[in-house]
C-alpha atoms as a PDB file:
ATOM      1  CA  MET A   1      35.798  92.731  85.809  1.00  0.00           C
ATOM      2  CA  PRO A   2      33.627  95.769  84.992  1.00  0.00           C
ATOM      3  CA  PRO A   3      29.864  95.229  84.687  1.00  0.00           C
ATOM      4  CA  ARG A   4      28.691  94.552  81.189  1.00  0.00           C
ATOM      5  CA  MET A   5      27.002  97.203  79.108  1.00  0.00           C
ATOM      6  CA  LYS A   6      23.235  96.844  79.028  1.00  0.00           C
ATOM      7  CA  PHE A   7      21.157  97.361  75.897  1.00  0.00           C
ATOM      8  CA  GLY A   8      17.671  98.519  75.350  1.00  0.00           C
ATOM      9  CA  ILE A   9      15.344  99.910  72.724  1.00  0.00           C
ATOM     10  CA  PHE A  10      12.597 102.482  72.478  1.00  0.00           C
ATOM     11  CA  LEU A  11       9.814 101.475  70.126  1.00  0.00           C
ATOM     12  CA  ALA A  12       7.919 104.547  68.735  1.00  0.00           C
ATOM     13  CA  PRO A  13       4.137 103.879  68.612  1.00  0.00           C
ATOM     14  CA  PHE A  14       3.844 104.351  64.889  1.00  0.00           C
ATOM     15  CA  HIS A  15       1.058 102.278  63.283  1.00  0.00           C
ATOM     16  CA  TRP A  16      -0.493 103.013  59.894  1.00  0.00           C
ATOM     17  CA  LEU A  17      -3.834 104.845  59.773  1.00  0.00           C
ATOM     18  CA  GLY A  18      -6.604 102.329  59.409  1.00  0.00           C
ATOM     19  CA  GLU A  19      -4.474  99.514  60.756  1.00  0.00           C
ATOM     20  CA  ASN A  20      -6.136  97.276  63.288  1.00  0.00           C
ATOM     21  CA  PRO A  21      -4.701  98.457  66.624  1.00  0.00           C
ATOM     22  CA  THR A  22      -4.515  94.956  68.016  1.00  0.00           C
ATOM     23  CA  LEU A  23      -2.364  93.751  65.060  1.00  0.00           C
ATOM     24  CA  GLY A  24      -0.039  96.730  65.538  1.00  0.00           C
ATOM     25  CA  LEU A  25       0.385  95.964  69.215  1.00  0.00           C
ATOM     26  CA  GLU A  26       0.916  92.261  68.547  1.00  0.00           C
ATOM     27  CA  ARG A  27       3.586  93.172  66.060  1.00  0.00           C
ATOM     28  CA  ASP A  28       5.323  95.382  68.630  1.00  0.00           C
ATOM     29  CA  LEU A  29       5.195  92.608  71.220  1.00  0.00           C
ATOM     30  CA  GLU A  30       6.644  90.064  68.768  1.00  0.00           C
ATOM     31  CA  THR A  31       9.506  92.525  68.139  1.00  0.00           C
ATOM     32  CA  VAL A  32      10.130  92.647  71.955  1.00  0.00           C
ATOM     33  CA  GLN A  33      10.139  88.892  72.099  1.00  0.00           C
ATOM     34  CA  TRP A  34      12.911  88.779  69.378  1.00  0.00           C
ATOM     35  CA  LEU A  35      14.831  91.488  71.251  1.00  0.00           C
ATOM     36  CA  ASP A  36      14.677  89.327  74.410  1.00  0.00           C
ATOM     37  CA  HIS A  37      15.911  86.347  72.489  1.00  0.00           C
ATOM     38  CA  LEU A  38      18.843  88.474  71.219  1.00  0.00           C
ATOM     39  CA  GLY A  39      19.746  89.437  74.764  1.00  0.00           C
ATOM     40  CA  TYR A  40      18.440  92.975  75.123  1.00  0.00           C
ATOM     41  CA  ASP A  41      17.860  94.071  78.724  1.00  0.00           C
ATOM     42  CA  GLU A  42      14.827  96.217  78.294  1.00  0.00           C
ATOM     43  CA  ALA A  43      12.326  97.615  75.852  1.00  0.00           C
ATOM     44  CA  TRP A  44      10.218 100.684  76.065  1.00  0.00           C
ATOM     45  CA  ILE A  45       7.034 101.257  74.036  1.00  0.00           C
ATOM     46  CA  GLY A  46       5.919 104.822  73.767  1.00  0.00           C
ATOM     47  CA  GLU A  47       2.400 106.167  74.098  1.00  0.00           C
ATOM     48  CA  HIS A  48       0.888 108.375  71.415  1.00  0.00           C
ATOM     49  CA  HIS A  49      -2.484 109.830  72.422  1.00  0.00           C
ATOM     50  CA  SER A  50      -2.872 112.093  69.486  1.00  0.00           C
ATOM     51  CA  ALA A  51      -2.668 109.457  66.727  1.00  0.00           C
ATOM     52  CA  GLY A  52      -5.371 109.523  64.004  1.00  0.00           C
ATOM     53  CA  TRP A  53      -7.590 106.788  65.270  1.00  0.00           C
END
């Protein structure tokens, strides 16, 4: 039997200006937990060093 296809996701680091960064990160981590529950194999979260903080 051939190996199963693996699935992953890239989450862009887009958070609204003025949003609490901790809340944005917690929301991203909650999304990753759901993806794990759904059987995804990996998740990547990008870095964005030029955001309008």
